[in-house]
Amino acid sequence: MPGARGAEAGSVTAETAVLLPGLVVVLVLLLWAVQAVVGQLRCIDAARLGARAAARGDQPASVVALARRAAPSGAVVTVTPGDAFVVVTVRAHVGALPVSGAVPRVAVVATASAPREPE
């Protein structure tokens, strides 16, 4: 059956051509999810850092600047002083890949509070 082998010669190439786009889509979605998780963790860290600084009595402008350095780029930091606690909220949009428009950006939010330290 010399003809049977020739008929199967291109099957690996065809299977790869069908499978490769699916693998690329899975890889892009995986990278997007990792970026979203990393962005969320950076927002959490930035909110905690800002809350600690605000609880020590730092000025709100320096608290915002400190939290922005730790947050993802373009993050919005809000400091809400209270009588007993200080609350810092960090909001950011993450998940943009070099292929813009391929996946949506995700809004991540983190809030941290800390009791005010006595002066």
PDB file of N, CA and C in Angstrom:
ATOM      1  N   MET A   1       0.826  -1.181   0.000  1.00  0.00           N
ATOM      2  CA  MET A   1       0.000   0.000   0.000  1.00  0.00           C
ATOM      3  C   MET A   1       0.870   1.243   0.000  1.00  0.00           C
ATOM      4  N   PRO A   2       1.597   1.470  -1.018  1.00  0.00           N
ATOM      5  CA  PRO A   2       2.415   2.669  -1.069  1.00  0.00           C
ATOM      6  C   PRO A   2       1.602   3.939  -1.142  1.00  0.00           C
ATOM      7  N   GLY A   3       0.423   3.911  -1.642  1.00  0.00           N
ATOM      8  CA  GLY A   3      -0.392   5.117  -1.767  1.00  0.00           C
ATOM      9  C   GLY A   3      -0.976   5.571  -0.444  1.00  0.00           C
ATOM     10  N   ALA A   4      -1.163   4.663   0.519  1.00  0.00           N
ATOM     11  CA  ALA A   4      -1.759   5.020   1.814  1.00  0.00           C
ATOM     12  C   ALA A   4      -0.832   5.935   2.616  1.00  0.00           C
ATOM     13  N   ARG A   5       0.445   5.686   2.537  1.00  0.00           N
ATOM     14  CA  ARG A   5       1.376   6.525   3.273  1.00  0.00           C
ATOM     15  C   ARG A   5       1.407   7.943   2.714  1.00  0.00           C
ATOM     16  N   GLY A   6       1.322   8.091   1.460  1.00  0.00           N
ATOM     17  CA  GLY A   6       1.320   9.417   0.837  1.00  0.00           C
ATOM     18  C   GLY A   6       0.078  10.211   1.189  1.00  0.00           C
ATOM     19  N   ALA A   7      -1.038   9.548   1.419  1.00  0.00           N
ATOM     20  CA  ALA A   7      -2.288  10.237   1.764  1.00  0.00           C
ATOM     21  C   ALA A   7      -2.239  10.792   3.181  1.00  0.00           C
ATOM     22  N   GLU A   8      -1.472  10.173   4.079  1.00  0.00           N
ATOM     23  CA  GLU A   8      -1.387  10.621   5.464  1.00  0.00           C
ATOM     24  C   GLU A   8      -0.230  11.585   5.699  1.00  0.00           C
ATOM     25  N   ALA A   9       0.561  11.846   4.710  1.00  0.00           N
ATOM     26  CA  ALA A   9       1.763  12.659   4.890  1.00  0.00           C
ATOM     27  C   ALA A   9       1.447  14.085   5.337  1.00  0.00           C
ATOM     28  N   GLY A  10       0.383  14.671   4.901  1.00  0.00           N
ATOM     29  CA  GLY A  10       0.067  16.054   5.259  1.00  0.00           C
ATOM     30  C   GLY A  10      -0.867  16.185   6.439  1.00  0.00           C
ATOM     31  N   SER A  11      -1.230  15.074   7.089  1.00  0.00           N
ATOM     32  CA  SER A  11      -2.216  15.151   8.173  1.00  0.00           C
ATOM     33  C   SER A  11      -1.662  15.882   9.403  1.00  0.00           C
ATOM     34  N   VAL A  12      -0.385  15.726   9.693  1.00  0.00           N
ATOM     35  CA  VAL A  12       0.196  16.416  10.844  1.00  0.00           C
ATOM     36  C   VAL A  12       0.191  17.922  10.619  1.00  0.00           C
ATOM     37  N   THR A  13       0.510  18.331   9.425  1.00  0.00           N
ATOM     38  CA  THR A  13       0.487  19.759   9.092  1.00  0.00           C
ATOM     39  C   THR A  13      -0.925  20.320   9.201  1.00  0.00           C
ATOM     40  N   ALA A  14      -1.903  19.587   8.742  1.00  0.00           N
ATOM     41  CA  ALA A  14      -3.292  20.055   8.814  1.00  0.00           C
ATOM     42  C   ALA A  14      -3.764  20.136  10.262  1.00  0.00           C
ATOM     43  N   GLU A  15      -3.415  19.136  11.064  1.00  0.00           N
ATOM     44  CA  GLU A  15      -3.823  19.158  12.475  1.00  0.00           C
ATOM     45  C   GLU A  15      -3.163  20.324  13.212  1.00  0.00           C
ATOM     46  N   THR A  16      -1.912  20.580  12.915  1.00  0.00           N
ATOM     47  CA  THR A  16      -1.213  21.702  13.544  1.00  0.00           C
ATOM     48  C   THR A  16      -1.840  23.025  13.125  1.00  0.00           C
ATOM     49  N   ALA A  17      -2.204  23.145  11.873  1.00  0.00           N
ATOM     50  CA  ALA A  17      -2.818  24.381  11.382  1.00  0.00           C
ATOM     51  C   ALA A  17      -4.162  24.642  12.053  1.00  0.00           C
ATOM     52  N   VAL A  18      -4.872  23.596  12.393  1.00  0.00           N
ATOM     53  CA  VAL A  18      -6.154  23.756  13.076  1.00  0.00           C
ATOM     54  C   VAL A  18      -5.941  24.043  14.566  1.00  0.00           C
ATOM     55  N   LEU A  19      -4.958  23.417  15.181  1.00  0.00           N
ATOM     56  CA  LEU A  19      -4.727  23.535  16.616  1.00  0.00           C
ATOM     57  C   LEU A  19      -4.017  24.829  17.011  1.00  0.00           C
ATOM     58  N   LEU A  20      -3.138  25.338  16.188  1.00  0.00           N
ATOM     59  CA  LEU A  20      -2.318  26.489  16.538  1.00  0.00           C
ATOM     60  C   LEU A  20      -3.116  27.744  16.897  1.00  0.00           C
ATOM     61  N   PRO A  21      -4.137  28.150  16.142  1.00  0.00           N
ATOM     62  CA  PRO A  21      -4.906  29.340  16.550  1.00  0.00           C
ATOM     63  C   PRO A  21      -5.567  29.177  17.925  1.00  0.00           C
ATOM     64  N   GLY A  22      -6.024  27.984  18.234  1.00  0.00           N
ATOM     65  CA  GLY A  22      -6.616  27.739  19.546  1.00  0.00           C
ATOM     66  C   GLY A  22      -5.596  27.887  20.658  1.00  0.00           C
ATOM     67  N   LEU A  23      -4.393  27.402  20.430  1.00  0.00           N
ATOM     68  CA  LEU A  23      -3.333  27.552  21.418  1.00  0.00           C
ATOM     69  C   LEU A  23      -2.961  29.015  21.624  1.00  0.00           C
ATOM     70  N   VAL A  24      -2.945  29.775  20.547  1.00  0.00           N
ATOM     71  CA  VAL A  24      -2.637  31.209  20.655  1.00  0.00           C
ATOM     72  C   VAL A  24      -3.709  31.925  21.471  1.00  0.00           C
ATOM     73  N   VAL A  25      -4.965  31.586  21.240  1.00  0.00           N
ATOM     74  CA  VAL A  25      -6.060  32.207  22.003  1.00  0.00           C
ATOM     75  C   VAL A  25      -5.941  31.862  23.485  1.00  0.00           C
ATOM     76  N   VAL A  26      -5.656  30.617  23.794  1.00  0.00           N
ATOM     77  CA  VAL A  26      -5.497  30.206  25.200  1.00  0.00           C
ATOM     78  C   VAL A  26      -4.324  30.931  25.841  1.00  0.00           C
ATOM     79  N   LEU A  27      -3.223  31.074  25.118  1.00  0.00           N
ATOM     80  CA  LEU A  27      -2.055  31.783  25.647  1.00  0.00           C
ATOM     81  C   LEU A  27      -2.365  33.253  25.918  1.00  0.00           C
ATOM     82  N   VAL A  28      -3.060  33.904  25.000  1.00  0.00           N
ATOM     83  CA  VAL A  28      -3.420  35.317  25.189  1.00  0.00           C
ATOM     84  C   VAL A  28      -4.334  35.477  26.397  1.00  0.00           C
ATOM     85  N   LEU A  29      -5.315  34.603  26.537  1.00  0.00           N
ATOM     86  CA  LEU A  29      -6.220  34.693  27.685  1.00  0.00           C
ATOM     87  C   LEU A  29      -5.491  34.408  28.997  1.00  0.00           C
ATOM     88  N   LEU A  30      -4.541  33.502  28.971  1.00  0.00           N
ATOM     89  CA  LEU A  30      -3.760  33.213  30.165  1.00  0.00           C
ATOM     90  C   LEU A  30      -2.901  34.412  30.565  1.00  0.00           C
ATOM     91  N   LEU A  31      -2.253  35.036  29.603  1.00  0.00           N
ATOM     92  CA  LEU A  31      -1.454  36.236  29.894  1.00  0.00           C
ATOM     93  C   LEU A  31      -2.332  37.366  30.419  1.00  0.00           C
ATOM     94  N   TRP A  32      -3.506  37.520  29.844  1.00  0.00           N
ATOM     95  CA  TRP A  32      -4.445  38.553  30.286  1.00  0.00           C
ATOM     96  C   TRP A  32      -4.862  38.309  31.733  1.00  0.00           C
ATOM     97  N   ALA A  33      -5.163  37.054  32.078  1.00  0.00           N
ATOM     98  CA  ALA A  33      -5.573  36.728  33.439  1.00  0.00           C
ATOM     99  C   ALA A  33      -4.432  36.970  34.429  1.00  0.00           C
ATOM    100  N   VAL A  34      -3.224  36.630  34.041  1.00  0.00           N
ATOM    101  CA  VAL A  34      -2.073  36.868  34.916  1.00  0.00           C
ATOM    102  C   VAL A  34      -1.885  38.363  35.153  1.00  0.00           C
ATOM    103  N   GLN A  35      -2.028  39.173  34.100  1.00  0.00           N
ATOM    104  CA  GLN A  35      -1.904  40.620  34.266  1.00  0.00           C
ATOM    105  C   GLN A  35      -2.984  41.160  35.186  1.00  0.00           C
ATOM    106  N   ALA A  36      -4.189  40.645  35.090  1.00  0.00           N
ATOM    107  CA  ALA A  36      -5.276  41.111  35.955  1.00  0.00           C
ATOM    108  C   ALA A  36      -4.995  40.759  37.417  1.00  0.00           C
ATOM    109  N   VAL A  37      -4.500  39.559  37.669  1.00  0.00           N
ATOM    110  CA  VAL A  37      -4.195  39.148  39.041  1.00  0.00           C
ATOM    111  C   VAL A  37      -3.041  39.971  39.600  1.00  0.00           C
ATOM    112  N   VAL A  38      -2.008  40.174  38.807  1.00  0.00           N
ATOM    113  CA  VAL A  38      -0.867  40.978  39.262  1.00  0.00           C
ATOM    114  C   VAL A  38      -1.307  42.416  39.534  1.00  0.00           C
ATOM    115  N   GLY A  39      -2.157  42.967  38.680  1.00  0.00           N
ATOM    116  CA  GLY A  39      -2.673  44.316  38.907  1.00  0.00           C
ATOM    117  C   GLY A  39      -3.483  44.415  40.189  1.00  0.00           C
ATOM    118  N   GLN A  40      -4.288  43.385  40.471  1.00  0.00           N
ATOM    119  CA  GLN A  40      -5.065  43.372  41.714  1.00  0.00           C
ATOM    120  C   GLN A  40      -4.144  43.318  42.920  1.00  0.00           C
ATOM    121  N   LEU A  41      -3.120  42.487  42.858  1.00  0.00           N
ATOM    122  CA  LEU A  41      -2.177  42.394  43.978  1.00  0.00           C
ATOM    123  C   LEU A  41      -1.419  43.701  44.187  1.00  0.00           C
ATOM    124  N   ARG A  42      -1.051  44.371  43.096  1.00  0.00           N
ATOM    125  CA  ARG A  42      -0.362  45.659  43.231  1.00  0.00           C
ATOM    126  C   ARG A  42      -1.287  46.707  43.842  1.00  0.00           C
ATOM    127  N   CYS A  43      -2.571  46.674  43.496  1.00  0.00           N
ATOM    128  CA  CYS A  43      -3.529  47.608  44.098  1.00  0.00           C
ATOM    129  C   CYS A  43      -3.687  47.331  45.591  1.00  0.00           C
ATOM    130  N   ILE A  44      -3.734  46.065  45.964  1.00  0.00           N
ATOM    131  CA  ILE A  44      -3.840  45.715  47.386  1.00  0.00           C
ATOM    132  C   ILE A  44      -2.623  46.220  48.148  1.00  0.00           C
ATOM    133  N   ASP A  45      -1.438  45.970  47.603  1.00  0.00           N
ATOM    134  CA  ASP A  45      -0.214  46.438  48.265  1.00  0.00           C
ATOM    135  C   ASP A  45      -0.185  47.960  48.376  1.00  0.00           C
ATOM    136  N   ALA A  46      -0.597  48.648  47.309  1.00  0.00           N
ATOM    137  CA  ALA A  46      -0.585  50.109  47.328  1.00  0.00           C
ATOM    138  C   ALA A  46      -1.573  50.650  48.353  1.00  0.00           C
ATOM    139  N   ALA A  47      -2.749  50.049  48.448  1.00  0.00           N
ATOM    140  CA  ALA A  47      -3.744  50.502  49.420  1.00  0.00           C
ATOM    141  C   ALA A  47      -3.243  50.283  50.849  1.00  0.00           C
ATOM    142  N   ARG A  48      -2.629  49.141  51.103  1.00  0.00           N
ATOM    143  CA  ARG A  48      -2.090  48.883  52.444  1.00  0.00           C
ATOM    144  C   ARG A  48      -0.970  49.853  52.794  1.00  0.00           C
ATOM    145  N   LEU A  49      -0.091  50.090  51.838  1.00  0.00           N
ATOM    146  CA  LEU A  49       1.018  51.017  52.056  1.00  0.00           C
ATOM    147  C   LEU A  49       0.492  52.423  52.354  1.00  0.00           C
ATOM    148  N   GLY A  50      -0.497  52.854  51.581  1.00  0.00           N
ATOM    149  CA  GLY A  50      -1.089  54.170  51.804  1.00  0.00           C
ATOM    150  C   GLY A  50      -1.813  54.271  53.133  1.00  0.00           C
ATOM    151  N   ALA A  51      -2.516  53.214  53.504  1.00  0.00           N
ATOM    152  CA  ALA A  51      -3.245  53.231  54.779  1.00  0.00           C
ATOM    153  C   ALA A  51      -2.279  53.309  55.959  1.00  0.00           C
ATOM    154  N   ARG A  52      -1.169  52.581  55.878  1.00  0.00           N
ATOM    155  CA  ARG A  52      -0.174  52.661  56.960  1.00  0.00           C
ATOM    156  C   ARG A  52       0.415  54.064  57.071  1.00  0.00           C
ATOM    157  N   ALA A  53       0.722  54.659  55.911  1.00  0.00           N
ATOM    158  CA  ALA A  53       1.294  56.004  55.921  1.00  0.00           C
ATOM    159  C   ALA A  53       0.288  57.019  56.457  1.00  0.00           C
ATOM    160  N   ALA A  54      -0.970  56.900  56.066  1.00  0.00           N
ATOM    161  CA  ALA A  54      -1.996  57.827  56.543  1.00  0.00           C
ATOM    162  C   ALA A  54      -2.241  57.650  58.038  1.00  0.00           C
ATOM    163  N   ALA A  55      -2.170  56.413  58.512  1.00  0.00           N
ATOM    164  CA  ALA A  55      -2.379  56.166  59.935  1.00  0.00           C
ATOM    165  C   ALA A  55      -1.258  56.770  60.777  1.00  0.00           C
ATOM    166  N   ARG A  56      -0.060  56.854  60.207  1.00  0.00           N
ATOM    167  CA  ARG A  56       1.065  57.476  60.919  1.00  0.00           C
ATOM    168  C   ARG A  56       0.914  58.982  61.007  1.00  0.00           C
ATOM    169  N   GLY A  57       0.042  59.539  60.160  1.00  0.00           N
ATOM    170  CA  GLY A  57      -0.161  60.981  60.177  1.00  0.00           C
ATOM    171  C   GLY A  57       0.473  61.703  59.013  1.00  0.00           C
ATOM    172  N   ASP A  58       0.909  60.979  57.980  1.00  0.00           N
ATOM    173  CA  ASP A  58       1.470  61.636  56.800  1.00  0.00           C
ATOM    174  C   ASP A  58       0.407  62.487  56.117  1.00  0.00           C
ATOM    175  N   GLN A  59       0.857  63.497  55.406  1.00  0.00           N
ATOM    176  CA  GLN A  59      -0.059  64.369  54.671  1.00  0.00           C
ATOM    177  C   GLN A  59      -0.755  63.589  53.554  1.00  0.00           C
ATOM    178  N   PRO A  60      -2.023  63.910  53.252  1.00  0.00           N
ATOM    179  CA  PRO A  60      -2.751  63.180  52.204  1.00  0.00           C
ATOM    180  C   PRO A  60      -2.042  63.190  50.849  1.00  0.00           C
ATOM    181  N   ALA A  61      -1.395  64.295  50.497  1.00  0.00           N
ATOM    182  CA  ALA A  61      -0.704  64.349  49.208  1.00  0.00           C
ATOM    183  C   ALA A  61       0.460  63.359  49.158  1.00  0.00           C
ATOM    184  N   SER A  62       1.180  63.227  50.261  1.00  0.00           N
ATOM    185  CA  SER A  62       2.287  62.271  50.273  1.00  0.00           C
ATOM    186  C   SER A  62       1.784  60.832  50.336  1.00  0.00           C
ATOM    187  N   VAL A  63       0.640  60.613  50.968  1.00  0.00           N
ATOM    188  CA  VAL A  63       0.034  59.278  51.001  1.00  0.00           C
ATOM    189  C   VAL A  63      -0.374  58.865  49.589  1.00  0.00           C
ATOM    190  N   VAL A  64      -0.998  59.786  48.856  1.00  0.00           N
ATOM    191  CA  VAL A  64      -1.418  59.497  47.478  1.00  0.00           C
ATOM    192  C   VAL A  64      -0.197  59.224  46.607  1.00  0.00           C
ATOM    193  N   ALA A  65       0.844  60.037  46.748  1.00  0.00           N
ATOM    194  CA  ALA A  65       2.048  59.839  45.937  1.00  0.00           C
ATOM    195  C   ALA A  65       2.709  58.501  46.249  1.00  0.00           C
ATOM    196  N   LEU A  66       2.755  58.134  47.514  1.00  0.00           N
ATOM    197  CA  LEU A  66       3.345  56.865  47.920  1.00  0.00           C
ATOM    198  C   LEU A  66       2.552  55.681  47.363  1.00  0.00           C
ATOM    199  N   ALA A  67       1.239  55.751  47.460  1.00  0.00           N
ATOM    200  CA  ALA A  67       0.392  54.665  46.961  1.00  0.00           C
ATOM    201  C   ALA A  67       0.462  54.570  45.437  1.00  0.00           C
ATOM    202  N   ARG A  68       0.537  55.706  44.748  1.00  0.00           N
ATOM    203  CA  ARG A  68       0.621  55.679  43.274  1.00  0.00           C
ATOM    204  C   ARG A  68       1.904  55.029  42.783  1.00  0.00           C
ATOM    205  N   ARG A  69       2.989  55.212  43.530  1.00  0.00           N
ATOM    206  CA  ARG A  69       4.253  54.575  43.126  1.00  0.00           C
ATOM    207  C   ARG A  69       4.146  53.056  43.179  1.00  0.00           C
ATOM    208  N   ALA A  70       3.372  52.533  44.127  1.00  0.00           N
ATOM    209  CA  ALA A  70       3.238  51.085  44.271  1.00  0.00           C
ATOM    210  C   ALA A  70       2.123  50.510  43.400  1.00  0.00           C
ATOM    211  N   ALA A  71       1.197  51.352  42.957  1.00  0.00           N
ATOM    212  CA  ALA A  71       0.035  50.897  42.190  1.00  0.00           C
ATOM    213  C   ALA A  71       0.377  50.768  40.707  1.00  0.00           C
ATOM    214  N   PRO A  72      -0.481  50.083  39.945  1.00  0.00           N
ATOM    215  CA  PRO A  72      -0.291  50.040  38.497  1.00  0.00           C
ATOM    216  C   PRO A  72      -0.401  51.441  37.895  1.00  0.00           C
ATOM    217  N   SER A  73       0.176  51.629  36.740  1.00  0.00           N
ATOM    218  CA  SER A  73       0.153  52.955  36.117  1.00  0.00           C
ATOM    219  C   SER A  73      -1.280  53.385  35.828  1.00  0.00           C
ATOM    220  N   GLY A  74      -1.532  54.656  36.046  1.00  0.00           N
ATOM    221  CA  GLY A  74      -2.859  55.220  35.806  1.00  0.00           C
ATOM    222  C   GLY A  74      -3.843  54.984  36.938  1.00  0.00           C
ATOM    223  N   ALA A  75      -3.384  54.512  38.067  1.00  0.00           N
ATOM    224  CA  ALA A  75      -4.281  54.225  39.182  1.00  0.00           C
ATOM    225  C   ALA A  75      -4.764  55.513  39.837  1.00  0.00           C
ATOM    226  N   VAL A  76      -5.967  55.444  40.372  1.00  0.00           N
ATOM    227  CA  VAL A  76      -6.555  56.563  41.101  1.00  0.00           C
ATOM    228  C   VAL A  76      -6.567  56.184  42.575  1.00  0.00           C
ATOM    229  N   VAL A  77      -5.972  57.030  43.406  1.00  0.00           N
ATOM    230  CA  VAL A  77      -5.875  56.763  44.839  1.00  0.00           C
ATOM    231  C   VAL A  77      -6.749  57.767  45.576  1.00  0.00           C
ATOM    232  N   THR A  78      -7.576  57.261  46.488  1.00  0.00           N
ATOM    233  CA  THR A  78      -8.459  58.097  47.288  1.00  0.00           C
ATOM    234  C   THR A  78      -8.171  57.846  48.765  1.00  0.00           C
ATOM    235  N   VAL A  79      -7.983  58.920  49.505  1.00  0.00           N
ATOM    236  CA  VAL A  79      -7.754  58.828  50.952  1.00  0.00           C
ATOM    237  C   VAL A  79      -8.977  59.417  51.646  1.00  0.00           C
ATOM    238  N   THR A  80      -9.602  58.605  52.516  1.00  0.00           N
ATOM    239  CA  THR A  80     -10.773  59.047  53.256  1.00  0.00           C
ATOM    240  C   THR A  80     -10.441  59.017  54.746  1.00  0.00           C
ATOM    241  N   PRO A  81     -10.189  60.191  55.318  1.00  0.00           N
ATOM    242  CA  PRO A  81      -9.884  60.207  56.752  1.00  0.00           C
ATOM    243  C   PRO A  81     -11.158  60.070  57.585  1.00  0.00           C
ATOM    244  N   GLY A  82     -11.038  59.383  58.674  1.00  0.00           N
ATOM    245  CA  GLY A  82     -12.149  59.237  59.612  1.00  0.00           C
ATOM    246  C   GLY A  82     -11.663  59.585  61.006  1.00  0.00           C
ATOM    247  N   ASP A  83     -12.553  59.476  61.982  1.00  0.00           N
ATOM    248  CA  ASP A  83     -12.172  59.786  63.363  1.00  0.00           C
ATOM    249  C   ASP A  83     -11.195  58.744  63.903  1.00  0.00           C
ATOM    250  N   ALA A  84     -11.510  57.477  63.722  1.00  0.00           N
ATOM    251  CA  ALA A  84     -10.675  56.426  64.286  1.00  0.00           C
ATOM    252  C   ALA A  84      -9.852  55.693  63.233  1.00  0.00           C
ATOM    253  N   PHE A  85     -10.335  55.677  61.998  1.00  0.00           N
ATOM    254  CA  PHE A  85      -9.674  54.937  60.929  1.00  0.00           C
ATOM    255  C   PHE A  85      -9.413  55.822  59.716  1.00  0.00           C
ATOM    256  N   VAL A  86      -8.424  55.420  58.935  1.00  0.00           N
ATOM    257  CA  VAL A  86      -8.146  56.045  57.647  1.00  0.00           C
ATOM    258  C   VAL A  86      -8.345  54.967  56.584  1.00  0.00           C
ATOM    259  N   VAL A  87      -9.058  55.304  55.526  1.00  0.00           N
ATOM    260  CA  VAL A  87      -9.339  54.348  54.462  1.00  0.00           C
ATOM    261  C   VAL A  87      -8.677  54.827  53.176  1.00  0.00           C
ATOM    262  N   VAL A  88      -7.944  53.952  52.527  1.00  0.00           N
ATOM    263  CA  VAL A  88      -7.302  54.262  51.249  1.00  0.00           C
ATOM    264  C   VAL A  88      -7.845  53.297  50.199  1.00  0.00           C
ATOM    265  N   THR A  89      -8.317  53.850  49.087  1.00  0.00           N
ATOM    266  CA  THR A  89      -8.856  53.056  47.988  1.00  0.00           C
ATOM    267  C   THR A  89      -8.009  53.293  46.751  1.00  0.00           C
ATOM    268  N   VAL A  90      -7.651  52.217  46.075  1.00  0.00           N
ATOM    269  CA  VAL A  90      -6.858  52.298  44.844  1.00  0.00           C
ATOM    270  C   VAL A  90      -7.662  51.635  43.740  1.00  0.00           C
ATOM    271  N   ARG A  91      -7.881  52.378  42.640  1.00  0.00           N
ATOM    272  CA  ARG A  91      -8.602  51.866  41.467  1.00  0.00           C
ATOM    273  C   ARG A  91      -7.694  51.955  40.250  1.00  0.00           C
ATOM    274  N   ALA A  92      -7.708  50.894  39.447  1.00  0.00           N
ATOM    275  CA  ALA A  92      -6.887  50.894  38.238  1.00  0.00           C
ATOM    276  C   ALA A  92      -7.543  50.019  37.183  1.00  0.00           C
ATOM    277  N   HIS A  93      -7.152  50.229  35.946  1.00  0.00           N
ATOM    278  CA  HIS A  93      -7.584  49.392  34.825  1.00  0.00           C
ATOM    279  C   HIS A  93      -6.352  48.646  34.332  1.00  0.00           C
ATOM    280  N   VAL A  94      -6.422  47.332  34.350  1.00  0.00           N
ATOM    281  CA  VAL A  94      -5.282  46.503  33.966  1.00  0.00           C
ATOM    282  C   VAL A  94      -5.718  45.458  32.949  1.00  0.00           C
ATOM    283  N   GLY A  95      -4.734  44.776  32.411  1.00  0.00           N
ATOM    284  CA  GLY A  95      -5.024  43.678  31.500  1.00  0.00           C
ATOM    285  C   GLY A  95      -4.848  44.007  30.051  1.00  0.00           C
ATOM    286  N   ALA A  96      -4.287  45.152  29.729  1.00  0.00           N
ATOM    287  CA  ALA A  96      -4.083  45.496  28.324  1.00  0.00           C
ATOM    288  C   ALA A  96      -2.872  44.735  27.802  1.00  0.00           C
ATOM    289  N   LEU A  97      -3.049  44.091  26.693  1.00  0.00           N
ATOM    290  CA  LEU A  97      -1.964  43.370  26.050  1.00  0.00           C
ATOM    291  C   LEU A  97      -1.454  44.189  24.875  1.00  0.00           C
ATOM    292  N   PRO A  98      -0.271  43.865  24.362  1.00  0.00           N
ATOM    293  CA  PRO A  98       0.238  44.603  23.204  1.00  0.00           C
ATOM    294  C   PRO A  98      -0.717  44.584  22.017  1.00  0.00           C
ATOM    295  N   VAL A  99      -1.535  43.552  21.928  1.00  0.00           N
ATOM    296  CA  VAL A  99      -2.537  43.488  20.869  1.00  0.00           C
ATOM    297  C   VAL A  99      -3.781  44.192  21.408  1.00  0.00           C
ATOM    298  N   SER A 100      -3.820  45.506  21.270  1.00  0.00           N
ATOM    299  CA  SER A 100      -4.931  46.256  21.860  1.00  0.00           C
ATOM    300  C   SER A 100      -6.243  45.879  21.196  1.00  0.00           C
ATOM    301  N   GLY A 101      -7.266  45.792  21.993  1.00  0.00           N
ATOM    302  CA  GLY A 101      -8.580  45.428  21.483  1.00  0.00           C
ATOM    303  C   GLY A 101      -8.808  43.930  21.469  1.00  0.00           C
ATOM    304  N   ALA A 102      -7.759  43.149  21.652  1.00  0.00           N
ATOM    305  CA  ALA A 102      -7.928  41.696  21.645  1.00  0.00           C
ATOM    306  C   ALA A 102      -8.643  41.225  22.900  1.00  0.00           C
ATOM    307  N   VAL A 103      -8.317  41.840  24.028  1.00  0.00           N
ATOM    308  CA  VAL A 103      -8.963  41.502  25.300  1.00  0.00           C
ATOM    309  C   VAL A 103      -9.317  42.800  26.018  1.00  0.00           C
ATOM    310  N   PRO A 104     -10.396  42.797  26.767  1.00  0.00           N
ATOM    311  CA  PRO A 104     -10.792  44.034  27.461  1.00  0.00           C
ATOM    312  C   PRO A 104      -9.925  44.308  28.677  1.00  0.00           C
ATOM    313  N   ARG A 105      -9.885  45.568  29.061  1.00  0.00           N
ATOM    314  CA  ARG A 105      -9.198  45.940  30.291  1.00  0.00           C
ATOM    315  C   ARG A 105     -10.138  45.637  31.454  1.00  0.00           C
ATOM    316  N   VAL A 106      -9.556  45.322  32.593  1.00  0.00           N
ATOM    317  CA  VAL A 106     -10.328  44.961  33.774  1.00  0.00           C
ATOM    318  C   VAL A 106     -10.130  46.033  34.837  1.00  0.00           C
ATOM    319  N   ALA A 107     -11.221  46.447  35.451  1.00  0.00           N
ATOM    320  CA  ALA A 107     -11.130  47.404  36.556  1.00  0.00           C
ATOM    321  C   ALA A 107     -10.880  46.631  37.843  1.00  0.00           C
ATOM    322  N   VAL A 108      -9.810  46.991  38.536  1.00  0.00           N
ATOM    323  CA  VAL A 108      -9.497  46.361  39.821  1.00  0.00           C
ATOM    324  C   VAL A 108      -9.539  47.436  40.896  1.00  0.00           C
ATOM    325  N   VAL A 109     -10.028  47.049  42.052  1.00  0.00           N
ATOM    326  CA  VAL A 109     -10.175  47.985  43.179  1.00  0.00           C
ATOM    327  C   VAL A 109      -9.688  47.298  44.440  1.00  0.00           C
ATOM    328  N   ALA A 110      -8.956  48.033  45.248  1.00  0.00           N
ATOM    329  CA  ALA A 110      -8.523  47.521  46.544  1.00  0.00           C
ATOM    330  C   ALA A 110      -8.710  48.619  47.582  1.00  0.00           C
ATOM    331  N   THR A 111      -9.158  48.221  48.751  1.00  0.00           N
ATOM    332  CA  THR A 111      -9.371  49.159  49.847  1.00  0.00           C
ATOM    333  C   THR A 111      -8.667  48.620  51.089  1.00  0.00           C
ATOM    334  N   ALA A 112      -8.002  49.515  51.788  1.00  0.00           N
ATOM    335  CA  ALA A 112      -7.350  49.147  53.046  1.00  0.00           C
ATOM    336  C   ALA A 112      -7.638  50.225  54.076  1.00  0.00           C
ATOM    337  N   SER A 113      -7.782  49.805  55.299  1.00  0.00           N
ATOM    338  CA  SER A 113      -7.999  50.758  56.375  1.00  0.00           C
ATOM    339  C   SER A 113      -7.022  50.464  57.506  1.00  0.00           C
ATOM    340  N   ALA A 114      -6.724  51.491  58.240  1.00  0.00           N
ATOM    341  CA  ALA A 114      -5.809  51.342  59.381  1.00  0.00           C
ATOM    342  C   ALA A 114      -6.259  52.292  60.474  1.00  0.00           C
ATOM    343  N   PRO A 115      -6.135  51.874  61.737  1.00  0.00           N
ATOM    344  CA  PRO A 115      -6.500  52.787  62.833  1.00  0.00           C
ATOM    345  C   PRO A 115      -5.476  53.905  62.939  1.00  0.00           C
ATOM    346  N   ARG A 116      -5.978  55.083  63.229  1.00  0.00           N
ATOM    347  CA  ARG A 116      -5.075  56.224  63.406  1.00  0.00           C
ATOM    348  C   ARG A 116      -4.194  56.001  64.630  1.00  0.00           C
ATOM    349  N   GLU A 117      -2.922  56.293  64.468  1.00  0.00           N
ATOM    350  CA  GLU A 117      -2.012  56.167  65.599  1.00  0.00           C
ATOM    351  C   GLU A 117      -2.107  57.423  66.464  1.00  0.00           C
ATOM    352  N   PRO A 118      -1.956  57.278  67.756  1.00  0.00           N
ATOM    353  CA  PRO A 118      -2.018  58.464  68.615  1.00  0.00           C
ATOM    354  C   PRO A 118      -0.828  59.378  68.337  1.00  0.00           C
ATOM    355  N   GLU A 119      -1.110  60.653  68.390  1.00  0.00           N
ATOM    356  CA  GLU A 119      -0.046  61.633  68.073  1.00  0.00           C
ATOM    357  C   GLU A 119       0.749  61.996  69.282  1.00  0.00           C
TER     358      GLU A 119
END
